[in-house]
């Protein structure tokens, strides 16, 4: 099974929670097959990205950070936005110190 075997709406999604992938039309057995084949890659607990999204982010530090931000937003809620160091990285603003690691800064509305 590959992503080409699933509905077109699902192929457009690049990062989502396991629940979002299922809501987009991937059955539990398809989900297992896609993760085993490496077509869906776990980027954080409960959040998966397409292989192409992970591969395209591998060579570019800004893209890698963007993928981590997207995964964090999927995990905590889509209303969260990149802020602080994450926003600077995404906008190509030089920082005094490299934030390094997998840290992501998000701001979300109260409640």
PDB file of N, CA and C in Angstrom:
ATOM      1  N   UNK A   1       0.841  -1.173   0.000  1.00  0.00           N
ATOM      2  CA  UNK A   1       0.000   0.000   0.000  1.00  0.00           C
ATOM      3  C   UNK A   1       0.886   1.236   0.000  1.00  0.00           C
ATOM      4  N   UNK A   2       0.542   2.205  -0.810  1.00  0.00           N
ATOM      5  CA  UNK A   2       1.238   3.490  -0.835  1.00  0.00           C
ATOM      6  C   UNK A   2       0.199   4.598  -0.725  1.00  0.00           C
ATOM      7  N   UNK A   3       0.667   5.833  -0.546  1.00  0.00           N
ATOM      8  CA  UNK A   3      -0.271   6.947  -0.465  1.00  0.00           C
ATOM      9  C   UNK A   3      -1.076   7.098  -1.746  1.00  0.00           C
ATOM     10  N   UNK A   4      -0.546   6.630  -2.869  1.00  0.00           N
ATOM     11  CA  UNK A   4      -1.311   6.740  -4.118  1.00  0.00           C
ATOM     12  C   UNK A   4      -2.538   5.835  -4.095  1.00  0.00           C
ATOM     13  N   UNK A   5      -2.590   4.874  -3.158  1.00  0.00           N
ATOM     14  CA  UNK A   5      -3.731   3.968  -3.049  1.00  0.00           C
ATOM     15  C   UNK A   5      -4.854   4.531  -2.187  1.00  0.00           C
ATOM     16  N   UNK A   6      -4.656   5.696  -1.578  1.00  0.00           N
ATOM     17  CA  UNK A   6      -5.662   6.273  -0.686  1.00  0.00           C
ATOM     18  C   UNK A   6      -6.302   7.482  -1.355  1.00  0.00           C
ATOM     19  N   UNK A   7      -7.410   7.973  -0.807  1.00  0.00           N
ATOM     20  CA  UNK A   7      -8.116   9.089  -1.442  1.00  0.00           C
ATOM     21  C   UNK A   7      -7.232  10.317  -1.662  1.00  0.00           C
ATOM     22  N   UNK A   8      -7.531  11.085  -2.709  1.00  0.00           N
ATOM     23  CA  UNK A   8      -6.735  12.265  -3.067  1.00  0.00           C
ATOM     24  C   UNK A   8      -6.680  13.274  -1.929  1.00  0.00           C
ATOM     25  N   UNK A   9      -7.772  13.431  -1.191  1.00  0.00           N
ATOM     26  CA  UNK A   9      -7.793  14.393  -0.088  1.00  0.00           C
ATOM     27  C   UNK A   9      -6.740  14.035   0.958  1.00  0.00           C
ATOM     28  N   UNK A  10      -6.489  12.763   1.137  1.00  0.00           N
ATOM     29  CA  UNK A  10      -5.508  12.311   2.117  1.00  0.00           C
ATOM     30  C   UNK A  10      -4.098  12.582   1.604  1.00  0.00           C
ATOM     31  N   UNK A  11      -3.860  12.395   0.321  1.00  0.00           N
ATOM     32  CA  UNK A  11      -2.519  12.601  -0.235  1.00  0.00           C
ATOM     33  C   UNK A  11      -2.077  14.053  -0.107  1.00  0.00           C
ATOM     34  N   UNK A  12      -3.017  14.995  -0.064  1.00  0.00           N
ATOM     35  CA  UNK A  12      -2.670  16.406   0.054  1.00  0.00           C
ATOM     36  C   UNK A  12      -2.176  16.758   1.454  1.00  0.00           C
ATOM     37  N   UNK A  13      -2.649  16.049   2.449  1.00  0.00           N
ATOM     38  CA  UNK A  13      -2.261  16.331   3.825  1.00  0.00           C
ATOM     39  C   UNK A  13      -0.811  15.916   4.021  1.00  0.00           C
ATOM     40  N   UNK A  14      -0.021  16.740   4.670  1.00  0.00           N
ATOM     41  CA  UNK A  14       1.375  16.390   4.894  1.00  0.00           C
ATOM     42  C   UNK A  14       1.672  16.051   6.349  1.00  0.00           C
ATOM     43  N   UNK A  15       0.970  16.686   7.290  1.00  0.00           N
ATOM     44  CA  UNK A  15       1.183  16.430   8.711  1.00  0.00           C
ATOM     45  C   UNK A  15      -0.175  16.365   9.390  1.00  0.00           C
ATOM     46  N   UNK A  16      -0.369  15.377  10.227  1.00  0.00           N
ATOM     47  CA  UNK A  16      -1.626  15.297  10.972  1.00  0.00           C
ATOM     48  C   UNK A  16      -1.548  14.268  12.073  1.00  0.00           C
ATOM     49  N   UNK A  17      -2.464  14.381  12.991  1.00  0.00           N
ATOM     50  CA  UNK A  17      -2.549  13.379  14.048  1.00  0.00           C
ATOM     51  C   UNK A  17      -3.102  12.094  13.447  1.00  0.00           C
ATOM     52  N   UNK A  18      -2.935  11.007  14.173  1.00  0.00           N
ATOM     53  CA  UNK A  18      -3.484   9.736  13.700  1.00  0.00           C
ATOM     54  C   UNK A  18      -4.990   9.880  13.476  1.00  0.00           C
ATOM     55  N   UNK A  19      -5.665  10.588  14.366  1.00  0.00           N
ATOM     56  CA  UNK A  19      -7.106  10.812  14.221  1.00  0.00           C
ATOM     57  C   UNK A  19      -7.450  11.622  12.989  1.00  0.00           C
ATOM     58  N   UNK A  20      -6.632  12.631  12.675  1.00  0.00           N
ATOM     59  CA  UNK A  20      -6.881  13.427  11.474  1.00  0.00           C
ATOM     60  C   UNK A  20      -6.681  12.603  10.218  1.00  0.00           C
ATOM     61  N   UNK A  21      -5.678  11.734  10.217  1.00  0.00           N
ATOM     62  CA  UNK A  21      -5.472  10.864   9.058  1.00  0.00           C
ATOM     63  C   UNK A  21      -6.672   9.945   8.880  1.00  0.00           C
ATOM     64  N   UNK A  22      -7.187   9.395   9.989  1.00  0.00           N
ATOM     65  CA  UNK A  22      -8.364   8.517   9.891  1.00  0.00           C
ATOM     66  C   UNK A  22      -9.580   9.312   9.419  1.00  0.00           C
ATOM     67  N   UNK A  23      -9.765  10.525   9.954  1.00  0.00           N
ATOM     68  CA  UNK A  23     -10.900  11.358   9.539  1.00  0.00           C
ATOM     69  C   UNK A  23     -10.809  11.736   8.061  1.00  0.00           C
ATOM     70  N   UNK A  24      -9.591  11.771   7.530  1.00  0.00           N
ATOM     71  CA  UNK A  24      -9.406  12.116   6.113  1.00  0.00           C
ATOM     72  C   UNK A  24      -9.651  10.924   5.200  1.00  0.00           C
ATOM     73  N   UNK A  25      -9.897   9.759   5.780  1.00  0.00           N
ATOM     74  CA  UNK A  25     -10.264   8.617   4.947  1.00  0.00           C
ATOM     75  C   UNK A  25      -9.356   7.411   4.999  1.00  0.00           C
ATOM     76  N   UNK A  26      -8.302   7.454   5.793  1.00  0.00           N
ATOM     77  CA  UNK A  26      -7.418   6.286   5.897  1.00  0.00           C
ATOM     78  C   UNK A  26      -7.979   5.339   6.956  1.00  0.00           C
ATOM     79  N   UNK A  27      -8.187   4.110   6.569  1.00  0.00           N
ATOM     80  CA  UNK A  27      -8.680   3.104   7.514  1.00  0.00           C
ATOM     81  C   UNK A  27      -7.541   2.687   8.444  1.00  0.00           C
ATOM     82  N   UNK A  28      -7.862   2.085   9.598  1.00  0.00           N
ATOM     83  CA  UNK A  28      -6.802   1.632  10.506  1.00  0.00           C
ATOM     84  C   UNK A  28      -5.813   0.671   9.837  1.00  0.00           C
ATOM     85  N   UNK A  29      -6.295  -0.221   8.985  1.00  0.00           N
ATOM     86  CA  UNK A  29      -5.371  -1.152   8.320  1.00  0.00           C
ATOM     87  C   UNK A  29      -4.500  -0.420   7.302  1.00  0.00           C
ATOM     88  N   UNK A  30      -5.063   0.549   6.586  1.00  0.00           N
ATOM     89  CA  UNK A  30      -4.261   1.357   5.659  1.00  0.00           C
ATOM     90  C   UNK A  30      -3.211   2.151   6.434  1.00  0.00           C
ATOM     91  N   UNK A  31      -3.609   2.717   7.574  1.00  0.00           N
ATOM     92  CA  UNK A  31      -2.695   3.492   8.397  1.00  0.00           C
ATOM     93  C   UNK A  31      -1.504   2.634   8.835  1.00  0.00           C
ATOM     94  N   UNK A  32      -1.782   1.420   9.302  1.00  0.00           N
ATOM     95  CA  UNK A  32      -0.696   0.512   9.706  1.00  0.00           C
ATOM     96  C   UNK A  32       0.210   0.181   8.525  1.00  0.00           C
ATOM     97  N   UNK A  33      -0.380  -0.091   7.372  1.00  0.00           N
ATOM     98  CA  UNK A  33       0.414  -0.412   6.187  1.00  0.00           C
ATOM     99  C   UNK A  33       1.283   0.759   5.761  1.00  0.00           C
ATOM    100  N   UNK A  34       0.718   1.949   5.785  1.00  0.00           N
ATOM    101  CA  UNK A  34       1.467   3.143   5.376  1.00  0.00           C
ATOM    102  C   UNK A  34       2.613   3.436   6.339  1.00  0.00           C
ATOM    103  N   UNK A  35       2.403   3.245   7.634  1.00  0.00           N
ATOM    104  CA  UNK A  35       3.488   3.492   8.591  1.00  0.00           C
ATOM    105  C   UNK A  35       4.560   2.415   8.477  1.00  0.00           C
ATOM    106  N   UNK A  36       4.167   1.165   8.290  1.00  0.00           N
ATOM    107  CA  UNK A  36       5.155   0.084   8.118  1.00  0.00           C
ATOM    108  C   UNK A  36       6.001   0.315   6.872  1.00  0.00           C
ATOM    109  N   UNK A  37       5.371   0.794   5.803  1.00  0.00           N
ATOM    110  CA  UNK A  37       6.081   1.019   4.542  1.00  0.00           C
ATOM    111  C   UNK A  37       6.914   2.301   4.569  1.00  0.00           C
ATOM    112  N   UNK A  38       6.707   3.137   5.578  1.00  0.00           N
ATOM    113  CA  UNK A  38       7.452   4.384   5.665  1.00  0.00           C
ATOM    114  C   UNK A  38       6.827   5.528   4.885  1.00  0.00           C
ATOM    115  N   UNK A  39       5.606   5.321   4.368  1.00  0.00           N
ATOM    116  CA  UNK A  39       4.926   6.396   3.649  1.00  0.00           C
ATOM    117  C   UNK A  39       4.351   7.434   4.612  1.00  0.00           C
ATOM    118  N   UNK A  40       4.047   7.002   5.828  1.00  0.00           N
ATOM    119  CA  UNK A  40       3.700   7.914   6.921  1.00  0.00           C
ATOM    120  C   UNK A  40       4.769   7.727   7.986  1.00  0.00           C
ATOM    121  N   UNK A  41       5.339   8.832   8.462  1.00  0.00           N
ATOM    122  CA  UNK A  41       6.462   8.794   9.398  1.00  0.00           C
ATOM    123  C   UNK A  41       6.053   9.504  10.681  1.00  0.00           C
ATOM    124  N   UNK A  42       6.275   8.849  11.816  1.00  0.00           N
ATOM    125  CA  UNK A  42       5.959   9.461  13.106  1.00  0.00           C
ATOM    126  C   UNK A  42       6.948  10.591  13.370  1.00  0.00           C
ATOM    127  N   UNK A  43       6.426  11.818  13.583  1.00  0.00           N
ATOM    128  CA  UNK A  43       7.299  12.953  13.861  1.00  0.00           C
ATOM    129  C   UNK A  43       7.223  13.394  15.315  1.00  0.00           C
ATOM    130  N   UNK A  44       6.199  12.980  16.005  1.00  0.00           N
ATOM    131  CA  UNK A  44       6.083  13.132  17.459  1.00  0.00           C
ATOM    132  C   UNK A  44       4.928  12.247  17.892  1.00  0.00           C
ATOM    133  N   UNK A  45       4.754  12.075  19.174  1.00  0.00           N
ATOM    134  CA  UNK A  45       3.733  11.152  19.674  1.00  0.00           C
ATOM    135  C   UNK A  45       2.359  11.476  19.062  1.00  0.00           C
ATOM    136  N   UNK A  46       1.809  10.522  18.331  1.00  0.00           N
ATOM    137  CA  UNK A  46       0.480  10.663  17.750  1.00  0.00           C
ATOM    138  C   UNK A  46       0.389  11.524  16.508  1.00  0.00           C
ATOM    139  N   UNK A  47       1.523  12.022  16.007  1.00  0.00           N
ATOM    140  CA  UNK A  47       1.519  12.896  14.834  1.00  0.00           C
ATOM    141  C   UNK A  47       2.413  12.278  13.757  1.00  0.00           C
ATOM    142  N   UNK A  48       1.875  12.216  12.541  1.00  0.00           N
ATOM    143  CA  UNK A  48       2.572  11.578  11.427  1.00  0.00           C
ATOM    144  C   UNK A  48       2.620  12.520  10.232  1.00  0.00           C
ATOM    145  N   UNK A  49       3.707  12.427   9.472  1.00  0.00           N
ATOM    146  CA  UNK A  49       3.877  13.219   8.256  1.00  0.00           C
ATOM    147  C   UNK A  49       4.121  12.276   7.094  1.00  0.00           C
ATOM    148  N   UNK A  50       3.848  12.763   5.898  1.00  0.00           N
ATOM    149  CA  UNK A  50       4.143  11.969   4.714  1.00  0.00           C
ATOM    150  C   UNK A  50       5.659  11.868   4.544  1.00  0.00           C
ATOM    151  N   UNK A  51       6.079  10.794   3.918  1.00  0.00           N
ATOM    152  CA  UNK A  51       7.502  10.596   3.648  1.00  0.00           C
ATOM    153  C   UNK A  51       8.079  11.778   2.865  1.00  0.00           C
ATOM    154  N   UNK A  52       7.323  12.270   1.879  1.00  0.00           N
ATOM    155  CA  UNK A  52       7.827  13.378   1.065  1.00  0.00           C
ATOM    156  C   UNK A  52       8.028  14.637   1.900  1.00  0.00           C
ATOM    157  N   UNK A  53       7.155  14.894   2.871  1.00  0.00           N
ATOM    158  CA  UNK A  53       7.323  16.071   3.738  1.00  0.00           C
ATOM    159  C   UNK A  53       8.580  15.933   4.582  1.00  0.00           C
ATOM    160  N   UNK A  54       8.821  14.731   5.104  1.00  0.00           N
ATOM    161  CA  UNK A  54      10.006  14.502   5.934  1.00  0.00           C
ATOM    162  C   UNK A  54      11.269  14.588   5.086  1.00  0.00           C
ATOM    163  N   UNK A  55      11.252  13.993   3.898  1.00  0.00           N
ATOM    164  CA  UNK A  55      12.433  14.014   3.028  1.00  0.00           C
ATOM    165  C   UNK A  55      12.753  15.426   2.550  1.00  0.00           C
ATOM    166  N   UNK A  56      11.727  16.213   2.220  1.00  0.00           N
ATOM    167  CA  UNK A  56      11.996  17.567   1.738  1.00  0.00           C
ATOM    168  C   UNK A  56      12.522  18.460   2.860  1.00  0.00           C
ATOM    169  N   UNK A  57      12.174  18.154   4.096  1.00  0.00           N
ATOM    170  CA  UNK A  57      12.641  18.952   5.234  1.00  0.00           C
ATOM    171  C   UNK A  57      14.041  18.555   5.685  1.00  0.00           C
ATOM    172  N   UNK A  58      14.509  17.400   5.276  1.00  0.00           N
ATOM    173  CA  UNK A  58      15.777  16.874   5.785  1.00  0.00           C
ATOM    174  C   UNK A  58      16.972  17.771   5.468  1.00  0.00           C
ATOM    175  N   UNK A  59      16.997  18.387   4.314  1.00  0.00           N
ATOM    176  CA  UNK A  59      18.178  19.138   3.883  1.00  0.00           C
ATOM    177  C   UNK A  59      18.166  20.606   4.309  1.00  0.00           C
ATOM    178  N   UNK A  60      17.035  21.111   4.776  1.00  0.00           N
ATOM    179  CA  UNK A  60      16.911  22.533   5.072  1.00  0.00           C
ATOM    180  C   UNK A  60      16.496  22.744   6.524  1.00  0.00           C
ATOM    181  N   UNK A  61      17.339  23.395   7.333  1.00  0.00           N
ATOM    182  CA  UNK A  61      17.006  23.602   8.748  1.00  0.00           C
ATOM    183  C   UNK A  61      15.685  24.339   8.963  1.00  0.00           C
ATOM    184  N   UNK A  62      15.368  25.322   8.101  1.00  0.00           N
ATOM    185  CA  UNK A  62      14.087  26.025   8.241  1.00  0.00           C
ATOM    186  C   UNK A  62      12.926  25.092   7.977  1.00  0.00           C
ATOM    187  N   UNK A  63      13.046  24.237   6.957  1.00  0.00           N
ATOM    188  CA  UNK A  63      11.978  23.291   6.649  1.00  0.00           C
ATOM    189  C   UNK A  63      11.823  22.250   7.758  1.00  0.00           C
ATOM    190  N   UNK A  64      12.958  21.805   8.331  1.00  0.00           N
ATOM    191  CA  UNK A  64      12.878  20.859   9.458  1.00  0.00           C
ATOM    192  C   UNK A  64      12.125  21.495  10.623  1.00  0.00           C
ATOM    193  N   UNK A  65      12.438  22.758  10.904  1.00  0.00           N
ATOM    194  CA  UNK A  65      11.746  23.435  12.001  1.00  0.00           C
ATOM    195  C   UNK A  65      10.265  23.621  11.668  1.00  0.00           C
ATOM    196  N   UNK A  66       9.962  23.953  10.417  1.00  0.00           N
ATOM    197  CA  UNK A  66       8.568  24.100   9.995  1.00  0.00           C
ATOM    198  C   UNK A  66       7.800  22.796  10.190  1.00  0.00           C
ATOM    199  N   UNK A  67       8.437  21.672   9.907  1.00  0.00           N
ATOM    200  CA  UNK A  67       7.800  20.376  10.111  1.00  0.00           C
ATOM    201  C   UNK A  67       7.551  20.133  11.596  1.00  0.00           C
ATOM    202  N   UNK A  68       8.534  20.480  12.439  1.00  0.00           N
ATOM    203  CA  UNK A  68       8.346  20.320  13.888  1.00  0.00           C
ATOM    204  C   UNK A  68       7.223  21.230  14.396  1.00  0.00           C
ATOM    205  N   UNK A  69       7.151  22.454  13.878  1.00  0.00           N
ATOM    206  CA  UNK A  69       6.078  23.379  14.264  1.00  0.00           C
ATOM    207  C   UNK A  69       4.721  22.806  13.845  1.00  0.00           C
ATOM    208  N   UNK A  70       4.626  22.307  12.625  1.00  0.00           N
ATOM    209  CA  UNK A  70       3.366  21.725  12.136  1.00  0.00           C
ATOM    210  C   UNK A  70       2.958  20.539  12.995  1.00  0.00           C
ATOM    211  N   UNK A  71       3.918  19.716  13.385  1.00  0.00           N
ATOM    212  CA  UNK A  71       3.615  18.555  14.230  1.00  0.00           C
ATOM    213  C   UNK A  71       3.142  19.000  15.608  1.00  0.00           C
ATOM    214  N   UNK A  72       3.793  20.010  16.175  1.00  0.00           N
ATOM    215  CA  UNK A  72       3.387  20.511  17.491  1.00  0.00           C
ATOM    216  C   UNK A  72       1.989  21.121  17.426  1.00  0.00           C
ATOM    217  N   UNK A  73       1.709  21.868  16.349  1.00  0.00           N
ATOM    218  CA  UNK A  73       0.375  22.455  16.184  1.00  0.00           C
ATOM    219  C   UNK A  73      -0.689  21.373  16.068  1.00  0.00           C
ATOM    220  N   UNK A  74      -0.363  20.307  15.358  1.00  0.00           N
ATOM    221  CA  UNK A  74      -1.318  19.207  15.232  1.00  0.00           C
ATOM    222  C   UNK A  74      -1.593  18.594  16.602  1.00  0.00           C
ATOM    223  N   UNK A  75      -0.564  18.515  17.426  1.00  0.00           N
ATOM    224  CA  UNK A  75      -0.708  17.885  18.738  1.00  0.00           C
ATOM    225  C   UNK A  75      -1.465  18.760  19.733  1.00  0.00           C
ATOM    226  N   UNK A  76      -1.240  20.082  19.701  1.00  0.00           N
ATOM    227  CA  UNK A  76      -1.840  20.947  20.730  1.00  0.00           C
ATOM    228  C   UNK A  76      -3.066  21.707  20.251  1.00  0.00           C
ATOM    229  N   UNK A  77      -3.281  21.762  18.969  1.00  0.00           N
ATOM    230  CA  UNK A  77      -4.440  22.472  18.439  1.00  0.00           C
ATOM    231  C   UNK A  77      -4.031  23.390  17.307  1.00  0.00           C
ATOM    232  N   UNK A  78      -4.811  23.380  16.260  1.00  0.00           N
ATOM    233  CA  UNK A  78      -4.478  24.133  15.051  1.00  0.00           C
ATOM    234  C   UNK A  78      -4.566  25.640  15.235  1.00  0.00           C
ATOM    235  N   UNK A  79      -5.134  26.106  16.355  1.00  0.00           N
ATOM    236  CA  UNK A  79      -5.198  27.546  16.560  1.00  0.00           C
ATOM    237  C   UNK A  79      -3.882  28.102  17.091  1.00  0.00           C
ATOM    238  N   UNK A  80      -2.976  27.219  17.507  1.00  0.00           N
ATOM    239  CA  UNK A  80      -1.660  27.659  17.973  1.00  0.00           C
ATOM    240  C   UNK A  80      -0.860  28.169  16.778  1.00  0.00           C
ATOM    241  N   UNK A  81      -0.027  29.170  17.037  1.00  0.00           N
ATOM    242  CA  UNK A  81       0.824  29.713  15.975  1.00  0.00           C
ATOM    243  C   UNK A  81       2.271  29.717  16.441  1.00  0.00           C
ATOM    244  N   UNK A  82       3.178  29.670  15.491  1.00  0.00           N
ATOM    245  CA  UNK A  82       4.605  29.754  15.812  1.00  0.00           C
ATOM    246  C   UNK A  82       4.883  31.127  16.399  1.00  0.00           C
ATOM    247  N   UNK A  83       5.688  31.151  17.455  1.00  0.00           N
ATOM    248  CA  UNK A  83       6.037  32.427  18.072  1.00  0.00           C
ATOM    249  C   UNK A  83       7.485  32.388  18.546  1.00  0.00           C
ATOM    250  N   UNK A  84       7.952  33.513  19.006  1.00  0.00           N
ATOM    251  CA  UNK A  84       9.289  33.642  19.579  1.00  0.00           C
ATOM    252  C   UNK A  84      10.358  33.083  18.626  1.00  0.00           C
ATOM    253  N   UNK A  85      11.216  32.185  19.129  1.00  0.00           N
ATOM    254  CA  UNK A  85      12.307  31.667  18.311  1.00  0.00           C
ATOM    255  C   UNK A  85      11.789  30.918  17.076  1.00  0.00           C
ATOM    256  N   UNK A  86      10.702  30.185  17.235  1.00  0.00           N
ATOM    257  CA  UNK A  86      10.168  29.444  16.083  1.00  0.00           C
ATOM    258  C   UNK A  86       9.745  30.391  14.969  1.00  0.00           C
ATOM    259  N   UNK A  87       9.080  31.469  15.315  1.00  0.00           N
ATOM    260  CA  UNK A  87       8.665  32.440  14.294  1.00  0.00           C
ATOM    261  C   UNK A  87       9.886  33.049  13.615  1.00  0.00           C
ATOM    262  N   UNK A  88      10.911  33.362  14.397  1.00  0.00           N
ATOM    263  CA  UNK A  88      12.130  33.933  13.815  1.00  0.00           C
ATOM    264  C   UNK A  88      12.772  32.962  12.832  1.00  0.00           C
ATOM    265  N   UNK A  89      12.883  31.705  13.222  1.00  0.00           N
ATOM    266  CA  UNK A  89      13.478  30.695  12.337  1.00  0.00           C
ATOM    267  C   UNK A  89      12.667  30.583  11.047  1.00  0.00           C
ATOM    268  N   UNK A  90      11.352  30.498  11.167  1.00  0.00           N
ATOM    269  CA  UNK A  90      10.501  30.338   9.990  1.00  0.00           C
ATOM    270  C   UNK A  90      10.578  31.540   9.051  1.00  0.00           C
ATOM    271  N   UNK A  91      10.808  32.720   9.607  1.00  0.00           N
ATOM    272  CA  UNK A  91      10.908  33.929   8.789  1.00  0.00           C
ATOM    273  C   UNK A  91      12.338  34.226   8.348  1.00  0.00           C
ATOM    274  N   UNK A  92      13.275  33.352   8.701  1.00  0.00           N
ATOM    275  CA  UNK A  92      14.655  33.532   8.274  1.00  0.00           C
ATOM    276  C   UNK A  92      15.388  34.629   9.021  1.00  0.00           C
ATOM    277  N   UNK A  93      14.925  34.948  10.218  1.00  0.00           N
ATOM    278  CA  UNK A  93      15.571  35.989  11.023  1.00  0.00           C
ATOM    279  C   UNK A  93      16.704  35.357  11.814  1.00  0.00           C
ATOM    280  N   UNK A  94      17.883  35.943  11.720  1.00  0.00           N
ATOM    281  CA  UNK A  94      19.033  35.423  12.467  1.00  0.00           C
ATOM    282  C   UNK A  94      18.822  35.609  13.961  1.00  0.00           C
ATOM    283  N   UNK A  95      19.182  34.587  14.724  1.00  0.00           N
ATOM    284  CA  UNK A  95      19.091  34.630  16.180  1.00  0.00           C
ATOM    285  C   UNK A  95      20.485  34.744  16.766  1.00  0.00           C
ATOM    286  N   UNK A  96      20.584  35.313  17.956  1.00  0.00           N
ATOM    287  CA  UNK A  96      21.883  35.398  18.619  1.00  0.00           C
ATOM    288  C   UNK A  96      22.405  34.002  18.951  1.00  0.00           C
ATOM    289  N   UNK A  97      21.494  33.134  19.370  1.00  0.00           N
ATOM    290  CA  UNK A  97      21.860  31.744  19.676  1.00  0.00           C
ATOM    291  C   UNK A  97      20.924  30.815  18.916  1.00  0.00           C
ATOM    292  N   UNK A  98      21.488  29.764  18.371  1.00  0.00           N
ATOM    293  CA  UNK A  98      20.692  28.749  17.691  1.00  0.00           C
ATOM    294  C   UNK A  98      19.837  28.035  18.735  1.00  0.00           C
ATOM    295  N   UNK A  99      18.496  27.994  18.544  1.00  0.00           N
ATOM    296  CA  UNK A  99      17.659  27.320  19.534  1.00  0.00           C
ATOM    297  C   UNK A  99      17.976  25.832  19.641  1.00  0.00           C
ATOM    298  N   UNK A 100      18.474  25.251  18.557  1.00  0.00           N
ATOM    299  CA  UNK A 100      18.897  23.852  18.567  1.00  0.00           C
ATOM    300  C   UNK A 100      17.816  22.891  19.026  1.00  0.00           C
ATOM    301  N   UNK A 101      18.145  21.640  18.946  1.00  0.00           N
ATOM    302  CA  UNK A 101      17.232  20.600  19.414  1.00  0.00           C
ATOM    303  C   UNK A 101      15.888  20.601  18.722  1.00  0.00           C
ATOM    304  N   UNK A 102      14.923  20.001  19.392  1.00  0.00           N
ATOM    305  CA  UNK A 102      13.581  19.876  18.839  1.00  0.00           C
ATOM    306  C   UNK A 102      12.604  20.864  19.453  1.00  0.00           C
ATOM    307  N   UNK A 103      13.100  21.868  20.177  1.00  0.00           N
ATOM    308  CA  UNK A 103      12.219  22.827  20.843  1.00  0.00           C
ATOM    309  C   UNK A 103      11.411  23.619  19.822  1.00  0.00           C
ATOM    310  N   UNK A 104      10.153  23.848  20.155  1.00  0.00           N
ATOM    311  CA  UNK A 104       9.240  24.620  19.322  1.00  0.00           C
ATOM    312  C   UNK A 104       8.513  25.597  20.234  1.00  0.00           C
ATOM    313  N   UNK A 105       8.365  26.839  19.775  1.00  0.00           N
ATOM    314  CA  UNK A 105       7.654  27.849  20.543  1.00  0.00           C
ATOM    315  C   UNK A 105       6.340  28.151  19.849  1.00  0.00           C
ATOM    316  N   UNK A 106       5.249  27.994  20.585  1.00  0.00           N
ATOM    317  CA  UNK A 106       3.909  28.254  20.059  1.00  0.00           C
ATOM    318  C   UNK A 106       3.168  29.180  21.009  1.00  0.00           C
ATOM    319  N   UNK A 107       2.249  29.938  20.448  1.00  0.00           N
ATOM    320  CA  UNK A 107       1.321  30.732  21.250  1.00  0.00           C
ATOM    321  C   UNK A 107      -0.072  30.326  20.811  1.00  0.00           C
ATOM    322  N   UNK A 108      -0.938  30.144  21.783  1.00  0.00           N
ATOM    323  CA  UNK A 108      -2.312  29.798  21.431  1.00  0.00           C
ATOM    324  C   UNK A 108      -3.269  30.657  22.247  1.00  0.00           C
ATOM    325  N   UNK A 109      -4.494  30.809  21.761  1.00  0.00           N
ATOM    326  CA  UNK A 109      -5.449  31.655  22.459  1.00  0.00           C
ATOM    327  C   UNK A 109      -5.776  31.085  23.847  1.00  0.00           C
ATOM    328  N   UNK A 110      -6.167  31.930  24.770  1.00  0.00           N
ATOM    329  CA  UNK A 110      -6.529  31.438  26.101  1.00  0.00           C
ATOM    330  C   UNK A 110      -7.635  30.398  26.024  1.00  0.00           C
ATOM    331  N   UNK A 111      -7.608  29.492  26.984  1.00  0.00           N
ATOM    332  CA  UNK A 111      -8.650  28.475  27.073  1.00  0.00           C
ATOM    333  C   UNK A 111      -8.298  27.302  26.288  1.00  0.00           C
TER     334      UNK A 111
END
